[in-house]
Amino acid sequence: MNFIVRLLLASCLAAGIAGAGQTPAPEPAAPPTVYIRAGHLFDATTDNLRDNVVLVVDGERITKVAPAGDVTIPAGATVLDLSKDWVLPGLIDCHTHLEFRAD
């Protein structure tokens, strides 16, 4: 056998033997789920205003928006109560006054 092939085969075998007794790395934890009760919601995807809805947020993504009566919130879940407020998901305030900068 060629020297390089032998070296490669030996490296592969050594890596397999060295890792044989190791436990696999744990799976990453699922992102936390947060339930947001929104009194009023501006839905930018349909350009509508909606009242009394719940947003389900998994990690950093909104995965569900539904009427509050259609969402079952599990016991012990993290709930953000904005039932008296307006929620504007996806919108940011870009308002600035650059003329007042110190530099």
C-alpha atoms as a PDB file:
ATOM      1  CA  MET A   1       0.000   0.000   0.000  1.00  0.00           C
ATOM      2  CA  ASN A   2       0.960   3.512  -0.580  1.00  0.00           C
ATOM      3  CA  PHE A   3       2.315   5.353   2.466  1.00  0.00           C
ATOM      4  CA  ILE A   4      -0.362   8.111   2.301  1.00  0.00           C
ATOM      5  CA  VAL A   5      -3.175   5.527   2.104  1.00  0.00           C
ATOM      6  CA  ARG A   6      -1.757   3.721   5.169  1.00  0.00           C
ATOM      7  CA  LEU A   7      -1.442   6.988   7.088  1.00  0.00           C
ATOM      8  CA  LEU A   8      -5.024   7.960   6.198  1.00  0.00           C
ATOM      9  CA  LEU A   9      -6.359   4.527   7.204  1.00  0.00           C
ATOM     10  CA  ALA A  10      -4.468   4.635  10.512  1.00  0.00           C
ATOM     11  CA  SER A  11      -5.833   8.126  11.246  1.00  0.00           C
ATOM     12  CA  CYS A  12      -9.401   7.003  10.561  1.00  0.00           C
ATOM     13  CA  LEU A  13      -9.026   3.938  12.778  1.00  0.00           C
ATOM     14  CA  ALA A  14      -7.462   5.959  15.600  1.00  0.00           C
ATOM     15  CA  ALA A  15     -10.280   8.505  15.446  1.00  0.00           C
ATOM     16  CA  GLY A  16     -12.875   5.719  15.595  1.00  0.00           C
ATOM     17  CA  ILE A  17     -11.203   4.041  18.564  1.00  0.00           C
ATOM     18  CA  ALA A  18     -10.666   7.319  20.429  1.00  0.00           C
ATOM     19  CA  GLY A  19     -14.303   8.336  20.035  1.00  0.00           C
ATOM     20  CA  ALA A  20     -15.799   4.897  20.730  1.00  0.00           C
ATOM     21  CA  GLY A  21     -16.365   5.418  24.469  1.00  0.00           C
ATOM     22  CA  GLN A  22     -17.577   9.004  24.235  1.00  0.00           C
ATOM     23  CA  THR A  23     -21.208   9.954  24.623  1.00  0.00           C
ATOM     24  CA  PRO A  24     -22.707  12.052  21.874  1.00  0.00           C
ATOM     25  CA  ALA A  25     -23.167  15.775  22.473  1.00  0.00           C
ATOM     26  CA  PRO A  26     -26.603  16.664  23.817  1.00  0.00           C
ATOM     27  CA  GLU A  27     -29.153  18.110  21.421  1.00  0.00           C
ATOM     28  CA  PRO A  28     -29.522  21.876  21.700  1.00  0.00           C
ATOM     29  CA  ALA A  29     -32.466  22.972  23.837  1.00  0.00           C
ATOM     30  CA  ALA A  30     -35.634  23.994  22.038  1.00  0.00           C
ATOM     31  CA  PRO A  31     -36.125  27.754  21.903  1.00  0.00           C
ATOM     32  CA  PRO A  32     -38.401  29.104  24.625  1.00  0.00           C
ATOM     33  CA  THR A  33     -42.045  29.676  23.718  1.00  0.00           C
ATOM     34  CA  VAL A  34     -43.662  32.942  24.775  1.00  0.00           C
ATOM     35  CA  TYR A  35     -47.363  33.746  24.482  1.00  0.00           C
ATOM     36  CA  ILE A  36     -48.245  37.401  23.932  1.00  0.00           C
ATOM     37  CA  ARG A  37     -51.806  38.533  24.613  1.00  0.00           C
ATOM     38  CA  ALA A  38     -52.380  41.537  22.375  1.00  0.00           C
ATOM     39  CA  GLY A  39     -55.348  43.829  22.849  1.00  0.00           C
ATOM     40  CA  HIS A  40     -54.882  45.332  19.400  1.00  0.00           C
ATOM     41  CA  LEU A  41     -52.601  44.037  16.642  1.00  0.00           C
ATOM     42  CA  PHE A  42     -51.567  45.630  13.375  1.00  0.00           C
ATOM     43  CA  ASP A  43     -51.218  42.706  10.978  1.00  0.00           C
ATOM     44  CA  ALA A  44     -48.753  43.915   8.339  1.00  0.00           C
ATOM     45  CA  THR A  45     -49.210  40.777   6.199  1.00  0.00           C
ATOM     46  CA  THR A  46     -52.920  41.502   5.598  1.00  0.00           C
ATOM     47  CA  ASP A  47     -52.910  45.258   6.366  1.00  0.00           C
ATOM     48  CA  ASN A  48     -55.663  44.744   8.960  1.00  0.00           C
ATOM     49  CA  LEU A  49     -56.208  45.688  12.574  1.00  0.00           C
ATOM     50  CA  ARG A  50     -57.128  42.756  14.827  1.00  0.00           C
ATOM     51  CA  ASP A  51     -58.406  42.797  18.395  1.00  0.00           C
ATOM     52  CA  ASN A  52     -57.916  40.331  21.253  1.00  0.00           C
ATOM     53  CA  VAL A  53     -55.338  37.991  19.704  1.00  0.00           C
ATOM     54  CA  VAL A  54     -52.517  35.814  20.995  1.00  0.00           C
ATOM     55  CA  LEU A  55     -49.114  35.650  19.332  1.00  0.00           C
ATOM     56  CA  VAL A  56     -47.079  32.492  19.862  1.00  0.00           C
ATOM     57  CA  VAL A  57     -43.351  33.211  19.679  1.00  0.00           C
ATOM     58  CA  ASP A  58     -40.869  30.322  19.452  1.00  0.00           C
ATOM     59  CA  GLY A  59     -37.369  31.643  19.998  1.00  0.00           C
ATOM     60  CA  GLU A  60     -37.193  34.720  17.798  1.00  0.00           C
ATOM     61  CA  ARG A  61     -40.034  33.846  15.410  1.00  0.00           C
ATOM     62  CA  ILE A  62     -43.749  34.437  15.545  1.00  0.00           C
ATOM     63  CA  THR A  63     -45.170  31.012  14.710  1.00  0.00           C
ATOM     64  CA  LYS A  64     -48.872  31.669  15.228  1.00  0.00           C
ATOM     65  CA  VAL A  65     -51.310  34.573  15.482  1.00  0.00           C
ATOM     66  CA  ALA A  66     -54.870  33.627  16.388  1.00  0.00           C
ATOM     67  CA  PRO A  67     -57.936  34.918  18.209  1.00  0.00           C
ATOM     68  CA  ALA A  68     -57.441  34.597  21.977  1.00  0.00           C
ATOM     69  CA  GLY A  69     -60.295  32.087  22.238  1.00  0.00           C
ATOM     70  CA  ASP A  70     -58.584  29.735  19.773  1.00  0.00           C
ATOM     71  CA  VAL A  71     -55.247  29.459  21.623  1.00  0.00           C
ATOM     72  CA  THR A  72     -54.705  27.202  24.628  1.00  0.00           C
ATOM     73  CA  ILE A  73     -51.871  28.530  26.761  1.00  0.00           C
ATOM     74  CA  PRO A  74     -50.211  25.717  28.767  1.00  0.00           C
ATOM     75  CA  ALA A  75     -49.962  26.011  32.539  1.00  0.00           C
ATOM     76  CA  GLY A  76     -46.667  27.547  33.569  1.00  0.00           C
ATOM     77  CA  ALA A  77     -46.043  29.097  30.157  1.00  0.00           C
ATOM     78  CA  THR A  78     -44.376  32.482  29.828  1.00  0.00           C
ATOM     79  CA  VAL A  79     -47.143  34.992  29.068  1.00  0.00           C
ATOM     80  CA  LEU A  80     -46.676  38.647  28.212  1.00  0.00           C
ATOM     81  CA  ASP A  81     -49.942  40.479  28.852  1.00  0.00           C
ATOM     82  CA  LEU A  82     -50.334  43.379  26.423  1.00  0.00           C
ATOM     83  CA  SER A  83     -54.119  43.058  26.373  1.00  0.00           C
ATOM     84  CA  LYS A  84     -54.551  46.822  26.791  1.00  0.00           C
ATOM     85  CA  ASP A  85     -51.880  47.770  24.263  1.00  0.00           C
ATOM     86  CA  TRP A  86     -51.204  47.950  20.541  1.00  0.00           C
ATOM     87  CA  VAL A  87     -48.718  45.436  19.141  1.00  0.00           C
ATOM     88  CA  LEU A  88     -46.890  46.178  15.899  1.00  0.00           C
ATOM     89  CA  PRO A  89     -44.750  43.100  15.111  1.00  0.00           C
ATOM     90  CA  GLY A  90     -41.997  43.570  12.593  1.00  0.00           C
ATOM     91  CA  LEU A  91     -42.076  47.363  12.666  1.00  0.00           C
ATOM     92  CA  ILE A  92     -39.182  49.400  13.991  1.00  0.00           C
ATOM     93  CA  ASP A  93     -38.856  53.083  14.738  1.00  0.00           C
ATOM     94  CA  CYS A  94     -36.237  54.533  12.394  1.00  0.00           C
ATOM     95  CA  HIS A  95     -36.942  58.118  13.440  1.00  0.00           C
ATOM     96  CA  THR A  96     -33.751  60.006  14.153  1.00  0.00           C
ATOM     97  CA  HIS A  97     -32.311  63.538  14.262  1.00  0.00           C
ATOM     98  CA  LEU A  98     -28.841  63.373  12.732  1.00  0.00           C
ATOM     99  CA  GLU A  99     -28.376  67.163  12.898  1.00  0.00           C
ATOM    100  CA  PHE A 100     -28.083  66.936  16.701  1.00  0.00           C
ATOM    101  CA  ARG A 101     -25.040  64.644  16.685  1.00  0.00           C
ATOM    102  CA  ALA A 102     -22.090  65.772  18.800  1.00  0.00           C
ATOM    103  CA  ASP A 103     -19.497  64.826  16.181  1.00  0.00           C
END
